[in-house]
Amino acid sequence: MKIIILGAGQVGGTLAEHLASEANDITVVDTDADRLRDLGDRLDIRTVQGRGSFPTVLRQAGADDADMLVAVTNSDETNMVACQVAYTLFHTPTKIARVREAAYLTRAGLFDNDAIPVDVLISPEQVVTNYIKRLIEYPGALQVIDFGEGKAQLVAVKAYYGGPLVGQQLRQLRAHMPNVDTRVAAIFRRDRPILPKGDTVIEADDEVFFIAAKGDIRAVMGEMRGQDAGYKRIVIAGGGHIGERLAEAIESRYQVKIIEMNPARCRYLSDNLHSTVILQGSASDRDLLLEENIANTDLFLALTNDDEANIMSSLLAKRMGARKVMTIINNPAYVDLVQGGEIDIAVSPQLATIGTLLTHVRRGDIVSVHSLRRGAAEAIEAVAHGDARSSKVIGRAIRDISLPQGTTIGAIIREDEVLIAHDITVIESGDHVILFLVDKKYIRDVERLFQVGLSFF
C-alpha cells in the first residue's frame, strides 16, 4: 500500500515505524529537516521536506497514485486542508486527519465530501481519555480493550505474589469459575511472550492477557489477582484537553480534583466543569499535596504535556501516600523505564492512538487493531467473510486452522453472543474473530487468512 504521512512528530513517526516494517511504500512529509533525517536514517522510507497542505509538496510525495493520506501534523487546519487538496486534485481514496479542537469535532456535516472530505477523524485526546477511563473502571488492570462494540474485552493484569492463581495451572481457572468462560490469550514473563496451554503455570509478576464477555471481566480479574478496591478520590495533575475531558466523563461518579498551573485555564475549567474541584498550583508542590490530603487519594493521574513533570509529580504523590499513580509518557522510550515501579501505569498517547490508525491500513475486513505491550504485540478484530470454499477459516474448527506462529484466537463475537474460543469452536460467516499476535511480523499472514478467495465472487 502506498501511504503518505504528513507530520514526523511522535504519532507520525510511530505510525511510519509500524508500517515500514510491513512492506508498505511510506513517504513522510514534514517541515522539520532534522526529524525527517532521523526517521530516514532509521527506517526504509522516503521523506519530503515541505508543508503538507501544499499541492506541489503532495505531488512530490507521490499523491498522484497514493492509496492513503494520513495527516497527523500538529495543526488541525493543515490536516484538514491537506485532505481537501488530496481529494480535489489527486482523488486519494482514503484520507485520515488528526483533529484535536472540539469546536471542529462537534459540527455535524463539516467533514462530509461536500464540505471537508475527511474519511476518518482521529482525536488523540479523546482516544487517550477513553483509554484512561476504562482503566479507572477496572482497578488493577494494566490495559482494557473493547471488542464488538464493548461486548467482549481483553484485559491485561499483573499476577502478584500470593494471588489466587499464582503457582497454579491455567486449566484450574475453569475449576475455580465453572460458570464463567474465559481464555488467557497470552502471558508475558520477564518481557518474553509465552503461548498459554492448559499446563502453563502462572508466576508472580507475569503479565496476563485474558478475554471474556464484558459482564464476566470483574469475576475473572478477581480470580487472577484478588479484588482491587475501587477508586473514590481522584486527583488529576494538568487541566489540558485530556484532563478536562476525563474530569467531565468521571466527575459524576468520583470525587475529582484538578491541579492546574495556569490561572486563566483554572477559571475556564471552573466555569465548564460541574462538581470537579479546581486547584491553582503545581502538582510537584509538596505543601499543596499535603494540604489536599494526598495520602488519602486513591488515584493520582499526571496528564500534562511534560514527561519529566509527570514523572516527578507521580513519584512525589506515591511517596506521599497516594494508593495508585498513573502518568502519561509522550516519549515511548521512557514507558518501560517507569512502569511497574513507583509508577503503577504509564500511558503512551502514541501507542493508544496508533491502533485507530492501523485499523484503516490493514488488509481484509479488519474492524479494529490495538497495540499491546508498548507496540510489541497486537490484538485484532477481523470479520470472516465468504463460505467454506472461498475462505480459509469459515466452516473450520479452530484446531484445524493454520494460524501463523505466535497467534491465538481468543474469542468469537456472533451477533450479540460472545463465544470464548476452544479447539472445537467452528467459525461461521459474519463472525467477528478476536486474534492475539505476540509477534507483529506475522500480521500479513493473518490478513491473508481472512481475505476471501476469488471463488466467492
Protein backbone atom coordinates (compact mmCIF):
# COMPACT_ATOMS: atom_id res chain seq x y z
CA MET A 1 0.00 0.00 0.00
CA LYS A 2 1.31 3.47 -0.89
CA ILE A 3 0.81 5.77 2.11
CA ILE A 4 1.73 9.43 2.64
CA ILE A 5 2.11 10.51 6.27
CA LEU A 6 2.03 14.25 6.97
CA GLY A 7 3.87 15.02 10.19
CA ALA A 8 7.05 13.42 11.51
CA GLY A 9 6.20 14.03 15.15
CA GLN A 10 5.55 11.34 17.73
CA VAL A 11 2.32 9.99 16.20
CA GLY A 12 3.54 10.24 12.58
CA GLY A 13 6.94 8.79 13.41
CA THR A 14 5.45 5.89 15.41
CA LEU A 15 3.00 5.13 12.60
CA ALA A 16 5.80 5.19 9.99
CA GLU A 17 7.81 2.79 12.15
CA HIS A 18 4.89 0.34 12.37
CA LEU A 19 4.04 0.46 8.67
CA ALA A 20 7.57 0.48 7.24
CA SER A 21 8.22 -2.94 8.75
CA GLU A 22 5.16 -4.36 6.95
CA ALA A 23 6.25 -3.90 3.31
CA ASN A 24 4.30 -0.67 2.69
CA ASP A 25 5.55 2.18 0.48
CA ILE A 26 5.80 5.02 3.01
CA THR A 27 6.55 8.72 2.41
CA VAL A 28 6.75 11.12 5.36
CA VAL A 29 6.32 14.88 4.86
CA ASP A 30 7.36 17.49 7.43
CA THR A 31 8.83 20.98 7.58
CA ASP A 32 11.50 19.88 10.09
CA ALA A 33 14.58 18.58 8.26
CA ASP A 34 16.14 17.14 11.44
CA ARG A 35 13.10 15.00 12.22
CA LEU A 36 12.99 13.71 8.66
CA ARG A 37 16.69 12.91 8.71
CA ASP A 38 16.31 10.97 11.95
CA LEU A 39 13.38 8.93 10.54
CA GLY A 40 15.14 8.36 7.20
CA ASP A 41 18.25 7.05 8.96
CA ARG A 42 16.23 4.53 10.99
CA LEU A 43 13.56 3.40 8.56
CA ASP A 44 13.27 2.32 4.94
CA ILE A 45 11.03 5.23 3.88
CA ARG A 46 11.04 8.30 1.61
CA THR A 47 11.00 11.76 3.17
CA VAL A 48 9.92 15.09 1.69
CA GLN A 49 10.53 18.44 3.37
CA GLY A 50 7.74 20.97 3.00
CA ARG A 51 4.25 21.99 4.12
CA GLY A 52 1.91 19.04 3.69
CA SER A 53 -1.08 21.11 2.58
CA PHE A 54 0.74 22.49 -0.50
CA PRO A 55 -0.27 20.76 -3.77
CA THR A 56 3.34 20.84 -5.04
CA VAL A 57 4.61 19.12 -1.90
CA LEU A 58 1.88 16.44 -2.05
CA ARG A 59 2.69 15.78 -5.71
CA GLN A 60 6.39 15.46 -4.83
CA ALA A 61 5.41 12.96 -2.11
CA GLY A 62 3.60 10.81 -4.69
CA ALA A 63 -0.03 11.86 -4.18
CA ASP A 64 -0.85 11.14 -7.84
CA ASP A 65 -1.11 7.41 -7.13
CA ALA A 66 -1.20 7.22 -3.30
CA ASP A 67 -3.70 4.84 -1.68
CA MET A 68 -3.95 6.76 1.56
CA LEU A 69 -3.13 10.13 3.13
CA VAL A 70 -2.63 10.27 6.91
CA ALA A 71 -2.46 13.90 8.09
CA VAL A 72 -1.20 13.98 11.68
CA THR A 73 0.66 17.31 11.89
CA ASN A 74 0.23 19.49 14.99
CA SER A 75 -2.09 21.84 13.05
CA ASP A 76 -5.75 20.88 12.64
CA GLU A 77 -6.07 23.38 9.80
CA THR A 78 -3.08 21.96 7.88
CA ASN A 79 -4.50 18.45 8.24
CA MET A 80 -7.94 19.48 7.01
CA VAL A 81 -6.65 21.50 4.04
CA ALA A 82 -4.30 18.64 3.04
CA CYS A 83 -7.28 16.25 2.90
CA GLN A 84 -9.21 18.77 0.77
CA VAL A 85 -6.29 19.13 -1.66
CA ALA A 86 -5.76 15.33 -1.81
CA TYR A 87 -9.47 14.83 -2.59
CA THR A 88 -9.84 17.62 -5.15
CA LEU A 89 -6.55 17.37 -7.05
CA PHE A 90 -5.37 13.79 -6.58
CA HIS A 91 -8.57 11.80 -5.84
CA THR A 92 -6.82 10.00 -2.97
CA PRO A 93 -9.11 7.08 -1.95
CA THR A 94 -8.66 7.27 1.84
CA LYS A 95 -7.94 10.42 3.84
CA ILE A 96 -7.31 10.32 7.60
CA ALA A 97 -6.86 13.51 9.65
CA ARG A 98 -5.95 14.24 13.23
CA VAL A 99 -8.30 16.94 14.51
CA ARG A 100 -7.91 17.97 18.13
CA GLU A 101 -10.09 21.05 18.55
CA ALA A 102 -13.56 20.22 19.88
CA ALA A 103 -15.01 23.24 18.05
CA TYR A 104 -14.41 21.37 14.78
CA LEU A 105 -15.42 17.92 16.02
CA THR A 106 -18.85 18.97 17.25
CA ARG A 107 -20.02 20.47 13.93
CA ALA A 108 -22.26 17.99 12.11
CA GLY A 109 -21.62 17.65 8.40
CA LEU A 110 -18.31 19.52 8.46
CA PHE A 111 -16.30 16.50 7.35
CA ASP A 112 -18.50 15.26 4.51
CA ASN A 113 -17.21 15.11 0.93
CA ASP A 114 -19.35 18.15 0.13
CA ALA A 115 -17.51 20.16 2.79
CA ILE A 116 -14.10 18.99 4.09
CA PRO A 117 -13.55 15.47 2.71
CA VAL A 118 -12.07 13.50 5.64
CA ASP A 119 -12.88 9.78 5.68
CA VAL A 120 -11.58 9.08 9.19
CA LEU A 121 -11.19 11.58 12.04
CA ILE A 122 -8.65 10.86 14.76
CA SER A 123 -8.83 12.76 18.06
CA PRO A 124 -5.86 11.61 20.18
CA GLU A 125 -7.14 13.37 23.27
CA GLN A 126 -10.46 11.50 23.09
CA VAL A 127 -8.73 8.17 22.40
CA VAL A 128 -6.46 8.63 25.45
CA THR A 129 -9.37 9.85 27.60
CA ASN A 130 -11.37 6.70 26.79
CA TYR A 131 -8.27 4.55 27.42
CA ILE A 132 -7.73 6.02 30.91
CA LYS A 133 -11.47 5.94 31.72
CA ARG A 134 -11.53 2.15 31.15
CA LEU A 135 -8.51 1.72 33.45
CA ILE A 136 -10.33 3.68 36.16
CA GLU A 137 -13.40 1.45 35.77
CA TYR A 138 -11.26 -1.70 36.29
CA PRO A 139 -8.81 -1.09 39.18
CA GLY A 140 -5.83 -3.43 38.88
CA ALA A 141 -5.91 -3.60 35.05
CA LEU A 142 -2.86 -2.55 33.03
CA GLN A 143 -4.83 -2.32 29.78
CA VAL A 144 -8.50 -2.72 28.85
CA ILE A 145 -9.61 -3.08 25.22
CA ASP A 146 -13.14 -3.27 23.83
CA PHE A 147 -14.19 -5.59 21.00
CA GLY A 148 -17.55 -5.97 19.27
CA GLU A 149 -18.66 -2.51 20.44
CA GLY A 150 -17.91 -3.45 24.04
CA LYS A 151 -19.48 -6.93 24.09
CA ALA A 152 -16.08 -8.56 24.80
CA GLN A 153 -13.00 -7.12 26.48
CA LEU A 154 -9.32 -8.02 26.53
CA VAL A 155 -7.71 -7.16 29.86
CA ALA A 156 -4.09 -7.23 30.98
CA VAL A 157 -3.33 -7.79 34.67
CA LYS A 158 -0.15 -8.38 36.62
CA ALA A 159 -0.14 -11.53 38.74
CA TYR A 160 1.23 -10.81 42.20
CA TYR A 161 2.87 -12.99 44.81
CA GLY A 162 0.20 -14.72 46.88
CA GLY A 163 -2.51 -14.09 44.26
CA PRO A 164 -5.23 -16.75 43.79
CA LEU A 165 -3.82 -18.24 40.56
CA VAL A 166 -0.08 -17.83 41.08
CA GLY A 167 1.60 -21.22 41.13
CA GLN A 168 -1.40 -22.96 39.57
CA GLN A 169 -2.03 -24.30 36.07
CA LEU A 170 -4.31 -22.41 33.70
CA ARG A 171 -6.69 -25.36 33.37
CA GLN A 172 -7.62 -24.79 37.03
CA LEU A 173 -9.20 -21.46 36.07
CA ARG A 174 -12.30 -23.32 34.82
CA ALA A 175 -12.50 -25.31 38.06
CA HIS A 176 -12.35 -22.08 40.08
CA MET A 177 -15.05 -20.42 37.95
CA PRO A 178 -17.33 -23.10 36.47
CA ASN A 179 -19.97 -20.55 35.43
CA VAL A 180 -17.60 -18.12 33.66
CA ASP A 181 -15.98 -18.78 30.30
CA THR A 182 -12.68 -17.01 29.66
CA ARG A 183 -9.44 -17.60 27.79
CA VAL A 184 -5.90 -16.49 28.56
CA ALA A 185 -4.67 -15.18 25.20
CA ALA A 186 -1.01 -14.61 26.14
CA ILE A 187 1.40 -14.31 29.03
CA PHE A 188 4.47 -12.08 29.14
CA ARG A 189 7.14 -13.23 31.58
CA ARG A 190 10.19 -11.02 32.03
CA ASP A 191 9.22 -9.30 28.75
CA ARG A 192 9.17 -12.59 26.81
CA PRO A 193 5.89 -13.95 25.36
CA ILE A 194 4.58 -17.36 26.40
CA LEU A 195 1.76 -19.00 24.45
CA PRO A 196 -0.53 -20.35 27.18
CA LYS A 197 -1.53 -24.01 27.39
CA GLY A 198 -3.59 -25.89 29.94
CA ASP A 199 -0.50 -26.91 31.92
CA THR A 200 1.09 -23.42 31.89
CA VAL A 201 1.78 -22.29 35.45
CA ILE A 202 1.28 -18.58 36.24
CA GLU A 203 4.18 -17.00 38.12
CA ALA A 204 4.29 -13.83 40.21
CA ASP A 205 4.89 -10.69 38.07
CA ASP A 206 3.55 -12.38 34.92
CA GLU A 207 1.59 -10.01 32.69
CA VAL A 208 -1.54 -11.99 31.80
CA PHE A 209 -3.86 -11.07 28.90
CA PHE A 210 -7.31 -12.65 29.10
CA ILE A 211 -10.51 -12.19 27.12
CA ALA A 212 -14.08 -12.60 28.33
CA ALA A 213 -17.58 -11.21 27.87
CA LYS A 214 -17.80 -7.73 29.41
CA GLY A 215 -20.08 -8.91 32.21
CA ASP A 216 -17.53 -11.55 33.32
CA ILE A 217 -14.43 -9.32 33.42
CA ARG A 218 -14.58 -8.39 37.11
CA ALA A 219 -15.04 -12.03 38.16
CA VAL A 220 -12.00 -13.12 36.14
CA MET A 221 -9.88 -10.24 37.44
CA GLY A 222 -10.78 -11.23 40.99
CA GLU A 223 -9.63 -14.78 40.27
CA MET A 224 -6.39 -13.59 38.67
CA ARG A 225 -5.25 -11.16 41.34
CA GLY A 226 -7.90 -10.79 44.04
CA GLN A 227 -10.32 -7.86 44.20
CA ASP A 228 -8.71 -4.42 43.99
CA ALA A 229 -10.62 -1.78 45.93
CA GLY A 230 -12.45 0.67 43.70
CA TYR A 231 -11.44 4.32 43.43
CA LYS A 232 -13.29 7.18 45.12
CA ARG A 233 -10.91 10.14 45.38
CA ILE A 234 -9.02 11.05 42.19
CA VAL A 235 -6.51 13.88 41.68
CA ILE A 236 -5.64 14.97 38.13
CA ALA A 237 -2.41 16.90 37.52
CA GLY A 238 -2.92 19.01 34.40
CA GLY A 239 -6.11 20.66 33.20
CA GLY A 240 -5.43 20.46 29.47
CA HIS A 241 -7.70 18.80 26.91
CA ILE A 242 -7.25 15.29 28.34
CA GLY A 243 -7.57 16.38 31.97
CA GLU A 244 -10.73 18.36 31.19
CA ARG A 245 -12.37 15.59 29.13
CA LEU A 246 -11.55 12.94 31.71
CA ALA A 247 -12.87 15.01 34.61
CA GLU A 248 -16.05 15.71 32.64
CA ALA A 249 -16.51 11.96 32.00
CA ILE A 250 -15.97 10.78 35.58
CA GLU A 251 -16.94 13.65 37.92
CA SER A 252 -20.48 12.33 38.44
CA ARG A 253 -19.16 9.07 39.95
CA TYR A 254 -15.92 10.08 41.69
CA GLN A 255 -14.58 12.89 43.86
CA VAL A 256 -12.31 14.68 41.36
CA LYS A 257 -9.75 17.45 41.82
CA ILE A 258 -7.65 19.07 39.08
CA ILE A 259 -4.33 20.79 39.82
CA GLU A 260 -3.57 23.33 37.07
CA MET A 261 -0.81 25.96 36.97
CA ASN A 262 -2.37 28.46 34.54
CA PRO A 263 -4.85 30.84 36.30
CA ALA A 264 -6.84 31.54 33.10
CA ARG A 265 -7.20 27.82 32.43
CA CYS A 266 -8.33 27.30 36.03
CA ARG A 267 -11.11 29.87 35.55
CA TYR A 268 -12.17 28.15 32.31
CA LEU A 269 -12.27 24.71 33.99
CA SER A 270 -14.18 26.09 36.97
CA ASP A 271 -16.81 27.55 34.62
CA ASN A 272 -17.18 24.42 32.48
CA LEU A 273 -16.99 21.52 34.96
CA HIS A 274 -19.73 20.81 37.47
CA SER A 275 -18.51 19.08 40.64
CA THR A 276 -14.74 18.92 39.99
CA VAL A 277 -12.63 20.98 42.42
CA ILE A 278 -10.06 23.17 40.60
CA LEU A 279 -6.79 23.97 42.39
CA GLN A 280 -4.33 26.53 41.01
CA GLY A 281 -0.72 25.49 41.58
CA SER A 282 1.98 22.96 40.79
CA ALA A 283 1.39 19.22 41.14
CA SER A 284 5.01 18.97 42.34
CA ASP A 285 4.34 21.35 45.24
CA ARG A 286 4.74 19.19 48.33
CA ASP A 287 2.83 21.62 50.55
CA LEU A 288 -0.12 21.72 48.14
CA LEU A 289 -0.27 17.92 48.01
CA LEU A 290 -0.14 17.75 51.82
CA GLU A 291 -2.87 20.37 52.10
CA GLU A 292 -5.08 18.37 49.70
CA ASN A 293 -4.57 15.19 51.74
CA ILE A 294 -2.76 13.25 49.00
CA ALA A 295 -2.19 10.35 51.42
CA ASN A 296 -5.92 9.56 51.21
CA THR A 297 -6.08 9.82 47.41
CA ASP A 298 -6.99 6.58 45.65
CA LEU A 299 -5.61 7.56 42.23
CA PHE A 300 -3.21 10.30 41.12
CA LEU A 301 -3.18 10.98 37.36
CA ALA A 302 -0.38 13.07 35.80
CA LEU A 303 -1.75 14.27 32.44
CA THR A 304 0.37 17.28 31.42
CA ASN A 305 2.37 17.51 28.18
CA ASP A 306 5.68 17.46 30.06
CA ASP A 307 7.05 13.92 30.65
CA GLU A 308 9.54 15.00 33.30
CA ALA A 309 6.89 16.96 35.22
CA ASN A 310 4.51 14.00 35.02
CA ILE A 311 7.13 11.54 36.29
CA MET A 312 8.31 13.76 39.15
CA SER A 313 4.80 14.66 40.36
CA SER A 314 3.77 10.98 40.18
CA LEU A 315 6.80 9.85 42.18
CA LEU A 316 6.15 12.56 44.77
CA ALA A 317 2.46 11.66 45.08
CA LYS A 318 3.28 7.97 45.50
CA ARG A 319 5.93 8.66 48.13
CA MET A 320 3.41 10.83 49.99
CA GLY A 321 0.86 8.01 50.15
CA ALA A 322 -1.32 8.05 47.02
CA ARG A 323 -2.61 4.48 46.58
CA LYS A 324 -2.03 4.34 42.81
CA VAL A 325 -0.43 6.65 40.28
CA MET A 326 -0.90 6.71 36.52
CA THR A 327 1.01 9.02 34.19
CA ILE A 328 1.08 9.99 30.53
CA ILE A 329 4.50 9.47 28.93
CA ASN A 330 4.92 11.00 25.46
CA ASN A 331 8.40 9.58 24.90
CA PRO A 332 7.87 5.83 24.27
CA ALA A 333 11.46 5.13 25.39
CA TYR A 334 10.51 6.22 28.93
CA VAL A 335 7.47 3.94 29.29
CA ASP A 336 9.31 0.71 30.10
CA LEU A 337 11.67 2.61 32.43
CA VAL A 338 8.97 3.93 34.72
CA GLN A 339 6.03 1.47 34.63
CA GLY A 340 5.76 -1.10 37.36
CA GLY A 341 7.98 0.62 39.92
CA GLU A 342 6.73 3.62 41.87
CA ILE A 343 4.51 4.46 38.90
CA ASP A 344 1.80 1.85 38.52
CA ILE A 345 0.74 2.52 34.92
CA ALA A 346 2.43 4.58 32.19
CA VAL A 347 0.19 5.54 29.26
CA SER A 348 1.71 6.26 25.84
CA PRO A 349 -0.66 8.51 23.81
CA GLN A 350 1.11 7.50 20.59
CA LEU A 351 0.55 3.77 21.13
CA ALA A 352 -3.03 4.34 22.29
CA THR A 353 -3.72 6.33 19.09
CA ILE A 354 -1.79 4.13 16.68
CA GLY A 355 -4.31 1.28 16.82
CA THR A 356 -7.04 3.57 15.50
CA LEU A 357 -4.82 4.43 12.54
CA LEU A 358 -3.71 0.84 11.90
CA THR A 359 -7.36 -0.29 11.69
CA HIS A 360 -7.70 1.59 8.40
CA VAL A 361 -4.41 0.35 6.95
CA ARG A 362 -4.83 -3.37 7.48
CA ARG A 363 -5.95 -5.50 4.53
CA GLY A 364 -9.02 -7.75 4.75
CA ASP A 365 -12.05 -6.74 6.79
CA ILE A 366 -10.32 -5.58 9.98
CA VAL A 367 -12.72 -3.88 12.41
CA SER A 368 -10.16 -2.81 14.99
CA VAL A 369 -6.46 -3.06 15.78
CA HIS A 370 -4.94 -2.47 19.22
CA SER A 371 -1.28 -2.10 20.06
CA LEU A 372 -0.23 -4.09 23.14
CA ARG A 373 2.89 -4.27 25.24
CA ARG A 374 4.14 -0.87 24.02
CA GLY A 375 3.78 -1.93 20.38
CA ALA A 376 5.39 -5.39 20.67
CA ALA A 377 2.11 -7.27 20.17
CA GLU A 378 -1.28 -6.65 18.59
CA ALA A 379 -4.89 -7.63 19.16
CA ILE A 380 -7.10 -7.67 16.06
CA GLU A 381 -10.82 -7.95 15.45
CA ALA A 382 -11.37 -9.45 11.96
CA VAL A 383 -14.61 -10.35 10.20
CA ALA A 384 -14.87 -13.75 8.49
CA HIS A 385 -16.47 -13.50 5.02
CA GLY A 386 -17.30 -15.99 2.30
CA ASP A 387 -18.08 -19.68 2.58
CA ALA A 388 -16.21 -22.94 3.18
CA ARG A 389 -14.87 -22.93 -0.42
CA SER A 390 -13.64 -19.32 -0.61
CA SER A 391 -12.46 -18.81 2.99
CA LYS A 392 -9.56 -20.36 4.88
CA VAL A 393 -11.39 -20.09 8.20
CA ILE A 394 -15.17 -20.48 7.66
CA GLY A 395 -16.56 -23.93 8.40
CA ARG A 396 -13.36 -24.96 10.16
CA ALA A 397 -12.80 -25.73 13.82
CA ILE A 398 -10.12 -23.57 15.41
CA ARG A 399 -7.82 -26.57 15.87
CA ASP A 400 -7.91 -27.12 12.07
CA ILE A 401 -6.99 -23.53 11.13
CA SER A 402 -3.36 -22.97 10.19
CA LEU A 403 -2.63 -19.95 12.37
CA PRO A 404 0.67 -18.07 11.98
CA GLN A 405 3.30 -18.67 14.64
CA GLY A 406 2.58 -16.91 17.93
CA THR A 407 -1.07 -16.24 17.03
CA THR A 408 -4.07 -17.33 19.09
CA ILE A 409 -7.82 -16.88 18.62
CA GLY A 410 -9.27 -15.65 21.89
CA ALA A 411 -12.97 -15.24 21.20
CA ILE A 412 -15.66 -15.01 18.54
CA ILE A 413 -18.49 -12.48 18.56
CA ARG A 414 -21.52 -13.89 16.74
CA GLU A 415 -24.29 -11.28 16.57
CA ASP A 416 -24.89 -10.45 20.27
CA GLU A 417 -23.20 -13.56 21.67
CA VAL A 418 -19.59 -13.82 22.89
CA LEU A 419 -18.11 -17.28 22.31
CA ILE A 420 -14.80 -17.94 24.05
CA ALA A 421 -12.60 -19.84 21.60
CA HIS A 422 -12.00 -23.55 22.17
CA ASP A 423 -10.38 -26.10 19.86
CA ILE A 424 -13.74 -27.41 18.62
CA THR A 425 -15.32 -23.97 18.02
CA VAL A 426 -16.30 -23.63 14.34
CA ILE A 427 -16.10 -20.21 12.66
CA GLU A 428 -19.15 -19.08 10.65
CA SER A 429 -19.60 -16.36 8.02
CA GLY A 430 -20.06 -12.95 9.65
CA ASP A 431 -18.24 -13.90 12.85
CA HIS A 432 -16.03 -11.26 14.43
CA VAL A 433 -12.85 -13.13 15.35
CA ILE A 434 -10.55 -11.74 18.07
CA LEU A 435 -6.91 -12.67 17.46
CA PHE A 436 -3.82 -12.03 19.56
CA LEU A 437 -0.39 -11.76 17.90
CA VAL A 438 2.71 -11.80 20.08
CA ASP A 439 4.90 -11.16 17.00
CA LYS A 440 3.76 -8.45 14.59
CA LYS A 441 5.86 -9.75 11.71
CA TYR A 442 3.10 -12.31 11.03
CA ILE A 443 0.41 -9.65 10.57
CA ARG A 444 0.33 -10.10 6.78
CA ASP A 445 -0.26 -13.85 7.22
CA VAL A 446 -3.24 -13.11 9.46
CA GLU A 447 -4.64 -10.63 6.93
CA ARG A 448 -4.32 -13.18 4.13
CA LEU A 449 -6.10 -15.74 6.31
CA PHE A 450 -9.21 -13.51 6.37
CA GLN A 451 -9.18 -12.42 2.74
CA VAL A 452 -11.86 -14.00 0.56
CA GLY A 453 -10.80 -16.12 -2.40
CA LEU A 454 -11.98 -15.32 -5.96
CA SER A 455 -14.47 -18.21 -5.92
CA PHE A 456 -16.66 -16.14 -3.56
CA PHE A 457 -17.38 -13.60 -6.31
